[in-house]
N, C-alpha and C. Protein backbone atom coordinates (compact mmCIF):
# COMPACT_ATOMS: atom_id res chain seq x y z
N MET A 1 -1.47 48.06 38.36
CA MET A 1 -0.64 49.10 38.17
C MET A 1 -0.79 50.21 37.66
N ILE A 2 -0.74 51.39 37.96
CA ILE A 2 -1.58 52.74 36.93
C ILE A 2 -0.14 53.05 36.72
N ASN A 3 -0.32 53.31 35.32
CA ASN A 3 0.98 53.96 34.44
C ASN A 3 1.10 55.58 34.70
N LEU A 4 2.51 56.16 34.45
CA LEU A 4 2.22 57.52 34.72
C LEU A 4 1.05 58.29 33.89
N ILE A 5 1.22 57.92 32.36
CA ILE A 5 0.29 59.00 31.65
C ILE A 5 -1.38 58.74 32.26
N ASN A 6 -1.78 57.37 32.98
CA ASN A 6 -2.98 57.06 33.61
C ASN A 6 -2.92 58.04 34.68
N LYS A 7 -1.94 57.72 35.34
CA LYS A 7 -1.91 58.85 36.69
C LYS A 7 -1.98 60.46 36.80
N GLU A 8 -1.82 60.86 35.70
CA GLU A 8 -2.62 62.58 35.08
C GLU A 8 -3.69 62.27 35.20
N TYR A 9 -4.76 61.47 34.05
CA TYR A 9 -5.61 61.42 34.03
C TYR A 9 -6.69 60.88 35.33
N LEU A 10 -6.32 60.51 36.05
CA LEU A 10 -6.61 59.71 37.11
C LEU A 10 -6.73 61.02 38.20
N GLU A 11 -5.83 61.86 38.29
CA GLU A 11 -5.50 62.53 39.38
C GLU A 11 -5.95 64.54 38.77
N ALA A 12 -5.99 64.32 37.16
CA ALA A 12 -7.10 65.17 37.03
C ALA A 12 -8.66 65.32 37.28
N PHE A 13 -9.31 63.80 36.61
CA PHE A 13 -10.50 63.63 37.47
C PHE A 13 -10.83 63.88 38.66
N GLY A 14 -9.66 63.79 39.44
CA GLY A 14 -9.76 63.59 40.80
C GLY A 14 -10.35 64.80 41.41
N LYS A 15 -9.43 65.94 40.81
CA LYS A 15 -9.20 67.13 41.02
C LYS A 15 -10.59 67.77 40.64
N ASN A 16 -11.37 67.10 39.38
CA ASN A 16 -12.44 67.88 39.17
C ASN A 16 -13.79 67.40 39.40
N LEU A 17 -13.71 66.48 40.28
CA LEU A 17 -14.65 65.70 41.55
C LEU A 17 -14.49 66.33 42.53
N ARG A 18 -13.42 66.75 43.21
CA ARG A 18 -13.08 67.48 44.11
C ARG A 18 -13.71 68.96 44.16
N THR A 19 -13.12 69.31 43.01
CA THR A 19 -13.68 70.99 43.11
C THR A 19 -15.48 71.12 43.16
N ALA A 20 -15.66 69.78 42.28
CA ALA A 20 -17.48 70.17 42.18
C ALA A 20 -17.91 69.67 43.39
N ARG A 21 -17.21 68.46 44.27
CA ARG A 21 -18.15 68.66 45.35
C ARG A 21 -17.87 69.63 46.43
N GLU A 22 -16.54 70.38 46.55
CA GLU A 22 -16.99 71.26 47.45
C GLU A 22 -17.40 72.70 47.04
N GLU A 23 -17.78 72.97 45.59
CA GLU A 23 -18.72 73.78 45.11
C GLU A 23 -20.37 73.86 45.96
N LEU A 24 -20.18 72.41 45.83
CA LEU A 24 -21.65 72.46 46.86
C LEU A 24 -21.77 72.01 47.99
N ASN A 25 -20.47 72.06 48.52
CA ASN A 25 -20.20 72.46 49.69
C ASN A 25 -20.63 70.59 50.60
N LEU A 26 -20.04 69.63 50.06
CA LEU A 26 -20.77 68.69 50.39
C LEU A 26 -19.27 67.90 50.74
N SER A 27 -19.33 66.89 51.80
CA SER A 27 -18.54 66.29 52.29
C SER A 27 -18.42 65.39 51.29
N GLN A 28 -17.15 64.22 51.68
CA GLN A 28 -17.15 62.94 50.44
C GLN A 28 -18.65 61.52 51.54
N ARG A 29 -18.55 61.79 52.66
CA ARG A 29 -19.64 60.85 53.03
C ARG A 29 -21.10 61.42 52.35
N GLN A 30 -21.65 62.64 52.44
CA GLN A 30 -22.75 63.10 51.69
C GLN A 30 -22.81 63.02 50.31
N LEU A 31 -21.88 63.41 49.54
CA LEU A 31 -21.68 62.72 48.26
C LEU A 31 -21.90 61.15 47.87
N GLY A 32 -21.11 60.57 48.69
CA GLY A 32 -21.34 58.72 49.01
C GLY A 32 -22.83 58.08 48.70
N GLU A 33 -23.52 59.31 49.56
CA GLU A 33 -24.96 59.02 50.37
C GLU A 33 -25.82 59.87 49.16
N LYS A 34 -25.08 60.05 48.41
CA LYS A 34 -25.85 60.60 46.87
C LYS A 34 -26.29 60.04 46.22
N ALA A 35 -24.64 59.22 45.98
CA ALA A 35 -24.46 59.05 44.55
C ALA A 35 -24.47 57.13 44.92
N ASN A 36 -24.48 56.47 46.42
CA ASN A 36 -24.50 55.53 46.78
C ASN A 36 -23.46 54.68 46.50
N ILE A 37 -22.35 55.64 46.74
CA ILE A 37 -20.85 55.34 46.70
C ILE A 37 -20.42 55.19 48.09
N ASP A 38 -19.40 54.31 48.17
CA ASP A 38 -18.73 54.56 49.88
C ASP A 38 -17.68 55.69 49.70
N PRO A 39 -18.02 56.41 50.70
CA PRO A 39 -16.70 57.40 50.76
C PRO A 39 -15.83 57.04 50.77
N SER A 40 -15.24 56.20 51.22
CA SER A 40 -13.79 56.00 51.38
C SER A 40 -12.92 55.87 49.58
N GLN A 41 -14.12 55.09 49.14
CA GLN A 41 -13.82 55.19 47.62
C GLN A 41 -13.55 56.47 46.94
N ILE A 42 -14.67 56.98 47.45
CA ILE A 42 -14.76 58.46 46.86
C ILE A 42 -13.36 58.87 46.80
N GLY A 43 -12.76 59.15 47.97
CA GLY A 43 -11.50 59.76 48.53
C GLY A 43 -10.28 59.12 47.66
N ARG A 44 -10.37 57.59 47.52
CA ARG A 44 -9.23 57.45 46.39
C ARG A 44 -9.22 57.69 45.13
N ILE A 45 -10.82 57.92 44.39
CA ILE A 45 -10.86 58.38 43.52
C ILE A 45 -10.29 60.41 43.23
N GLU A 46 -10.68 60.88 44.18
CA GLU A 46 -10.21 62.29 44.09
C GLU A 46 -8.76 62.48 44.45
N ARG A 47 -7.75 61.30 44.70
CA ARG A 47 -6.67 61.44 45.59
C ARG A 47 -5.99 60.70 44.04
N GLY A 48 -6.30 60.54 43.28
CA GLY A 48 -5.84 59.47 41.67
C GLY A 48 -5.39 58.42 41.87
N GLU A 49 -5.77 57.47 42.96
CA GLU A 49 -5.73 56.72 43.20
C GLU A 49 -6.61 55.32 42.66
N GLN A 50 -7.57 55.32 42.17
CA GLN A 50 -8.52 54.59 41.74
C GLN A 50 -8.91 55.21 40.80
N ASN A 51 -8.71 53.73 39.96
CA ASN A 51 -9.24 53.89 38.41
C ASN A 51 -10.80 53.29 38.17
N THR A 52 -11.53 54.58 38.21
CA THR A 52 -13.08 54.26 38.23
C THR A 52 -13.80 53.74 37.06
N THR A 53 -14.70 53.48 37.15
CA THR A 53 -15.85 53.09 36.11
C THR A 53 -16.81 53.86 35.96
N LEU A 54 -17.50 53.84 34.22
CA LEU A 54 -18.10 54.71 33.42
C LEU A 54 -19.44 54.72 34.39
N SER A 55 -19.92 53.59 35.25
CA SER A 55 -21.33 53.55 35.85
C SER A 55 -20.64 54.50 36.93
N THR A 56 -19.69 54.59 37.56
CA THR A 56 -19.69 55.31 39.23
C THR A 56 -18.90 56.59 38.79
N ILE A 57 -18.58 57.39 37.18
CA ILE A 57 -18.40 58.74 37.08
C ILE A 57 -19.95 59.30 36.67
N ALA A 58 -21.29 58.18 35.96
CA ALA A 58 -22.16 58.42 35.66
C ALA A 58 -23.00 59.18 37.42
N ALA A 59 -22.64 57.98 38.16
CA ALA A 59 -23.31 57.91 39.44
C ALA A 59 -23.13 59.61 40.07
N LEU A 60 -21.50 59.71 39.69
CA LEU A 60 -21.10 60.70 40.86
C LEU A 60 -21.65 62.09 40.38
N ALA A 61 -21.48 62.49 38.91
CA ALA A 61 -22.22 63.57 38.14
C ALA A 61 -23.24 63.33 38.26
N LYS A 62 -24.09 62.88 38.64
CA LYS A 62 -25.89 62.58 38.37
C LYS A 62 -26.14 63.64 40.25
N ALA A 63 -25.08 62.61 41.15
CA ALA A 63 -25.51 63.28 42.02
C ALA A 63 -25.11 64.85 42.43
N LEU A 64 -23.94 65.11 41.57
CA LEU A 64 -23.71 66.58 41.80
C LEU A 64 -23.67 67.42 40.88
N GLY A 65 -25.12 67.04 40.03
CA GLY A 65 -26.06 68.19 38.86
C GLY A 65 -24.67 68.11 38.37
N LYS A 66 -24.02 68.12 37.43
CA LYS A 66 -23.50 67.78 36.24
C LYS A 66 -23.38 66.69 35.36
N LYS A 67 -23.34 66.66 34.04
CA LYS A 67 -23.09 65.42 33.08
C LYS A 67 -21.35 64.91 33.26
N PRO A 68 -21.76 63.72 33.18
CA PRO A 68 -20.33 63.19 32.88
C PRO A 68 -19.31 63.78 32.25
N ASP A 69 -19.23 64.43 31.46
CA ASP A 69 -18.40 65.27 30.58
C ASP A 69 -17.57 66.12 31.07
N GLU A 70 -18.05 66.79 31.88
CA GLU A 70 -17.88 68.18 32.93
C GLU A 70 -16.60 68.09 33.70
N LEU A 71 -17.16 66.14 33.87
CA LEU A 71 -15.93 66.26 35.58
C LEU A 71 -14.89 65.40 34.74
N LEU A 72 -14.87 65.01 33.23
CA LEU A 72 -13.88 64.52 32.31
C LEU A 72 -13.00 65.46 31.64
N LYS A 73 -13.09 66.71 31.83
CA LYS A 73 -12.35 67.71 31.20
C LYS A 73 -10.99 67.35 31.97
N PHE A 74 -9.98 67.83 30.97
CA PHE A 74 -8.52 67.70 31.03
C PHE A 74 -7.88 67.85 30.34
N PRO A 75 -6.86 68.49 30.58
CA PRO A 75 -5.68 68.26 29.37
C PRO A 75 -5.44 67.51 28.94
N PHE A 76 -4.41 67.18 27.35
CA PHE A 76 -4.55 66.05 27.15
C PHE A 76 -2.76 65.51 27.11
N PRO A 77 -1.83 64.81 27.87
CA PRO A 77 -0.36 65.07 27.61
C PRO A 77 -0.25 65.22 25.97
N ASP A 78 1.07 65.78 25.92
CA ASP A 78 1.34 65.55 24.51
C ASP A 78 2.41 64.67 24.22
N ASN A 79 1.93 63.74 22.84
CA ASN A 79 2.27 62.47 22.61
C ASN A 79 3.98 62.37 22.28
């Protein structure tokens, strides 16, 4: 189960991933091929439905020509 605070992070990461992918005019399938990740997993990540691993974030970033921290930029909620 994903708690609400984590959901905000997952959705923000997914939005960053989708934006970076679309900037390169890549489909989820094309990104999946470049990163060796199933396209359906990319879809779940982009929708904020899947909490992914650091190695997957690194593979996605490399396939997009970005540093992992560029995909992880998002506002932190107030505590």
